Amino acid sequence: MDDQIFSDGIGTITVIGATVRLDFVALSPTEREPNGQPKAVFKQRIVMGVDGFLRSAGKVQEAVQALSKMGAVQQGPGINPGVNAVTSIMSGKAEEPLTEVAPMRNGTQETPAVQKGGAMKPPFP
């Protein structure tokens, strides 16, 4: 099956109206951040409705719980921040308030999007 896309994580999640956009990123082998770390570059966007996104988020939570039971991940302050963010969001105990973000597309400003700061950052430095 050739319909696979590799990703190092989700760079941003943007909600505009009833549509959720997931921007997947990969670490660049050639581009670097100012601190020397590989730069996360956009690779693919998945667009879905809010209902589909919420069902998908439930599946992610199931996978996190399974990994936790297997001992593959540890949860706690400062440990696996991505896992803690998913757990916080799914339990309704988000640690950060939602922030309105107005992304730019083709030089025009769209309706403000809602993003969860810590959960939308790539899962790497």
C-alpha atoms as a PDB file:
ATOM      1  CA  MET A   1       0.000   0.000   0.000  1.00  0.00           C
ATOM      2  CA  ASP A   2       1.546   3.286  -1.098  1.00  0.00           C
ATOM      3  CA  ASP A   3      -1.009   5.615   0.524  1.00  0.00           C
ATOM      4  CA  GLN A   4       1.160   6.301   3.569  1.00  0.00           C
ATOM      5  CA  ILE A   5       2.490   9.695   4.586  1.00  0.00           C
ATOM      6  CA  PHE A   6       5.242  10.035   7.167  1.00  0.00           C
ATOM      7  CA  SER A   7       4.917  12.777   9.786  1.00  0.00           C
ATOM      8  CA  ASP A   8       6.883  13.699  12.876  1.00  0.00           C
ATOM      9  CA  GLY A   9       3.758  15.266  14.358  1.00  0.00           C
ATOM     10  CA  ILE A  10       1.080  17.899  14.063  1.00  0.00           C
ATOM     11  CA  GLY A  11       2.392  21.430  13.684  1.00  0.00           C
ATOM     12  CA  THR A  12      -0.909  23.277  14.085  1.00  0.00           C
ATOM     13  CA  ILE A  13      -4.585  22.563  14.485  1.00  0.00           C
ATOM     14  CA  THR A  14      -6.836  25.335  13.245  1.00  0.00           C
ATOM     15  CA  VAL A  15     -10.583  25.506  13.796  1.00  0.00           C
ATOM     16  CA  ILE A  16     -12.563  27.806  11.527  1.00  0.00           C
ATOM     17  CA  GLY A  17     -16.306  27.471  11.810  1.00  0.00           C
ATOM     18  CA  ALA A  18     -17.207  23.776  11.646  1.00  0.00           C
ATOM     19  CA  THR A  19     -13.955  22.787   9.923  1.00  0.00           C
ATOM     20  CA  VAL A  20     -10.775  21.531  11.589  1.00  0.00           C
ATOM     21  CA  ARG A  21      -7.448  21.687   9.756  1.00  0.00           C
ATOM     22  CA  LEU A  22      -4.575  19.483  10.943  1.00  0.00           C
ATOM     23  CA  ASP A  23      -1.190  20.509   9.541  1.00  0.00           C
ATOM     24  CA  PHE A  24       1.278  17.643   9.691  1.00  0.00           C
ATOM     25  CA  VAL A  25       5.009  18.382   9.789  1.00  0.00           C
ATOM     26  CA  ALA A  26       8.278  16.507   9.370  1.00  0.00           C
ATOM     27  CA  LEU A  27      11.744  17.382  10.611  1.00  0.00           C
ATOM     28  CA  SER A  28      13.826  18.784   7.779  1.00  0.00           C
ATOM     29  CA  PRO A  29      17.136  17.052   7.068  1.00  0.00           C
ATOM     30  CA  THR A  30      18.571  20.360   5.772  1.00  0.00           C
ATOM     31  CA  GLU A  31      16.776  23.262   7.503  1.00  0.00           C
ATOM     32  CA  ARG A  32      17.647  24.189  11.096  1.00  0.00           C
ATOM     33  CA  GLU A  33      16.081  26.364  13.789  1.00  0.00           C
ATOM     34  CA  PRO A  34      18.286  29.130  15.268  1.00  0.00           C
ATOM     35  CA  ASN A  35      19.080  26.805  18.196  1.00  0.00           C
ATOM     36  CA  GLY A  36      20.428  24.154  15.785  1.00  0.00           C
ATOM     37  CA  GLN A  37      17.491  21.748  16.070  1.00  0.00           C
ATOM     38  CA  PRO A  38      15.944  20.404  12.838  1.00  0.00           C
ATOM     39  CA  LYS A  39      13.162  22.659  11.581  1.00  0.00           C
ATOM     40  CA  ALA A  40       9.597  21.301  11.422  1.00  0.00           C
ATOM     41  CA  VAL A  41       8.305  21.844   7.877  1.00  0.00           C
ATOM     42  CA  PHE A  42       4.743  21.501   6.595  1.00  0.00           C
ATOM     43  CA  LYS A  43       4.086  18.214   4.765  1.00  0.00           C
ATOM     44  CA  GLN A  44       0.355  17.551   4.553  1.00  0.00           C
ATOM     45  CA  ARG A  45      -2.995  19.003   5.664  1.00  0.00           C
ATOM     46  CA  ILE A  46      -6.028  16.973   6.708  1.00  0.00           C
ATOM     47  CA  VAL A  47      -9.340  18.838   6.776  1.00  0.00           C
ATOM     48  CA  MET A  48     -12.376  17.394   8.553  1.00  0.00           C
ATOM     49  CA  GLY A  49     -15.561  18.432  10.266  1.00  0.00           C
ATOM     50  CA  VAL A  50     -15.700  18.966  14.012  1.00  0.00           C
ATOM     51  CA  ASP A  51     -17.586  15.683  14.564  1.00  0.00           C
ATOM     52  CA  GLY A  52     -14.935  13.693  12.702  1.00  0.00           C
ATOM     53  CA  PHE A  53     -12.183  15.496  14.595  1.00  0.00           C
ATOM     54  CA  LEU A  54     -13.776  14.701  17.956  1.00  0.00           C
ATOM     55  CA  ARG A  55     -14.132  11.008  17.010  1.00  0.00           C
ATOM     56  CA  SER A  56     -10.480  11.022  15.909  1.00  0.00           C
ATOM     57  CA  ALA A  57      -9.405  12.665  19.163  1.00  0.00           C
ATOM     58  CA  GLY A  58     -11.183   9.859  21.028  1.00  0.00           C
ATOM     59  CA  LYS A  59      -9.188   7.293  19.054  1.00  0.00           C
ATOM     60  CA  VAL A  60      -5.952   9.131  19.895  1.00  0.00           C
ATOM     61  CA  GLN A  61      -6.908   9.058  23.581  1.00  0.00           C
ATOM     62  CA  GLU A  62      -7.538   5.293  23.344  1.00  0.00           C
ATOM     63  CA  ALA A  63      -4.062   4.821  21.825  1.00  0.00           C
ATOM     64  CA  VAL A  64      -2.449   6.968  24.559  1.00  0.00           C
ATOM     65  CA  GLN A  65      -4.189   4.901  27.246  1.00  0.00           C
ATOM     66  CA  ALA A  66      -3.062   1.640  25.593  1.00  0.00           C
ATOM     67  CA  LEU A  67       0.531   2.895  25.367  1.00  0.00           C
ATOM     68  CA  SER A  68       0.386   3.973  28.987  1.00  0.00           C
ATOM     69  CA  LYS A  69      -0.873   0.543  30.096  1.00  0.00           C
ATOM     70  CA  MET A  70       1.968  -1.094  28.151  1.00  0.00           C
ATOM     71  CA  GLY A  71       4.446   1.146  29.951  1.00  0.00           C
ATOM     72  CA  ALA A  72       5.513   2.803  26.696  1.00  0.00           C
ATOM     73  CA  VAL A  73       4.761   6.300  28.016  1.00  0.00           C
ATOM     74  CA  GLN A  74       4.949   7.946  31.399  1.00  0.00           C
ATOM     75  CA  GLN A  75       2.644  10.724  32.481  1.00  0.00           C
ATOM     76  CA  GLY A  76       3.384  13.501  34.912  1.00  0.00           C
ATOM     77  CA  PRO A  77       4.640  17.077  35.026  1.00  0.00           C
ATOM     78  CA  GLY A  78       7.482  17.585  32.564  1.00  0.00           C
ATOM     79  CA  ILE A  79       7.280  14.015  31.208  1.00  0.00           C
ATOM     80  CA  ASN A  80       5.953  13.499  27.661  1.00  0.00           C
ATOM     81  CA  PRO A  81       4.332  16.955  27.332  1.00  0.00           C
ATOM     82  CA  GLY A  82       2.463  15.831  24.199  1.00  0.00           C
ATOM     83  CA  VAL A  83       0.835  12.943  26.067  1.00  0.00           C
ATOM     84  CA  ASN A  84      -0.044  15.228  28.975  1.00  0.00           C
ATOM     85  CA  ALA A  85      -1.609  17.727  26.560  1.00  0.00           C
ATOM     86  CA  VAL A  86      -3.755  15.045  24.898  1.00  0.00           C
ATOM     87  CA  THR A  87      -4.820  13.692  28.283  1.00  0.00           C
ATOM     88  CA  SER A  88      -5.657  17.186  29.557  1.00  0.00           C
ATOM     89  CA  ILE A  89      -7.683  18.092  26.500  1.00  0.00           C
ATOM     90  CA  MET A  90      -9.601  14.812  26.419  1.00  0.00           C
ATOM     91  CA  SER A  91     -10.398  15.005  30.133  1.00  0.00           C
ATOM     92  CA  GLY A  92     -11.582  18.597  29.793  1.00  0.00           C
ATOM     93  CA  LYS A  93      -8.802  19.811  32.088  1.00  0.00           C
ATOM     94  CA  ALA A  94      -6.831  21.916  29.630  1.00  0.00           C
ATOM     95  CA  GLU A  95      -4.004  23.717  31.383  1.00  0.00           C
ATOM     96  CA  GLU A  96      -3.961  26.698  29.029  1.00  0.00           C
ATOM     97  CA  PRO A  97      -6.836  28.932  27.966  1.00  0.00           C
ATOM     98  CA  LEU A  98      -7.928  28.872  24.348  1.00  0.00           C
ATOM     99  CA  THR A  99      -6.391  31.606  22.251  1.00  0.00           C
ATOM    100  CA  GLU A 100      -7.955  33.218  19.221  1.00  0.00           C
ATOM    101  CA  VAL A 101      -5.654  33.188  16.231  1.00  0.00           C
ATOM    102  CA  ALA A 102      -6.359  34.896  12.912  1.00  0.00           C
ATOM    103  CA  PRO A 103      -4.304  33.048  10.273  1.00  0.00           C
ATOM    104  CA  MET A 104      -3.323  34.768   7.040  1.00  0.00           C
ATOM    105  CA  ARG A 105      -4.209  33.110   3.744  1.00  0.00           C
ATOM    106  CA  ASN A 106      -3.253  34.699   0.432  1.00  0.00           C
ATOM    107  CA  GLY A 107      -2.685  38.050   2.142  1.00  0.00           C
ATOM    108  CA  THR A 108      -6.185  38.225   3.664  1.00  0.00           C
ATOM    109  CA  GLN A 109      -7.180  37.615   7.227  1.00  0.00           C
ATOM    110  CA  GLU A 110      -9.686  34.817   7.855  1.00  0.00           C
ATOM    111  CA  THR A 111     -12.186  34.475  10.646  1.00  0.00           C
ATOM    112  CA  PRO A 112     -10.338  33.947  13.949  1.00  0.00           C
ATOM    113  CA  ALA A 113      -9.400  30.344  14.612  1.00  0.00           C
ATOM    114  CA  VAL A 114      -9.296  28.746  18.017  1.00  0.00           C
ATOM    115  CA  GLN A 115      -6.067  27.053  19.037  1.00  0.00           C
ATOM    116  CA  LYS A 116      -4.913  25.404  22.226  1.00  0.00           C
ATOM    117  CA  GLY A 117      -1.381  26.715  22.711  1.00  0.00           C
ATOM    118  CA  GLY A 118       0.542  23.784  24.201  1.00  0.00           C
ATOM    119  CA  ALA A 119      -1.385  21.064  22.414  1.00  0.00           C
ATOM    120  CA  MET A 120      -0.838  22.509  18.978  1.00  0.00           C
ATOM    121  CA  LYS A 121       2.937  22.746  19.095  1.00  0.00           C
ATOM    122  CA  PRO A 122       4.918  19.985  17.393  1.00  0.00           C
ATOM    123  CA  PRO A 123       5.863  17.151  19.771  1.00  0.00           C
ATOM    124  CA  PHE A 124       9.541  18.071  19.560  1.00  0.00           C
ATOM    125  CA  PRO A 125      11.741  21.067  20.456  1.00  0.00           C
END
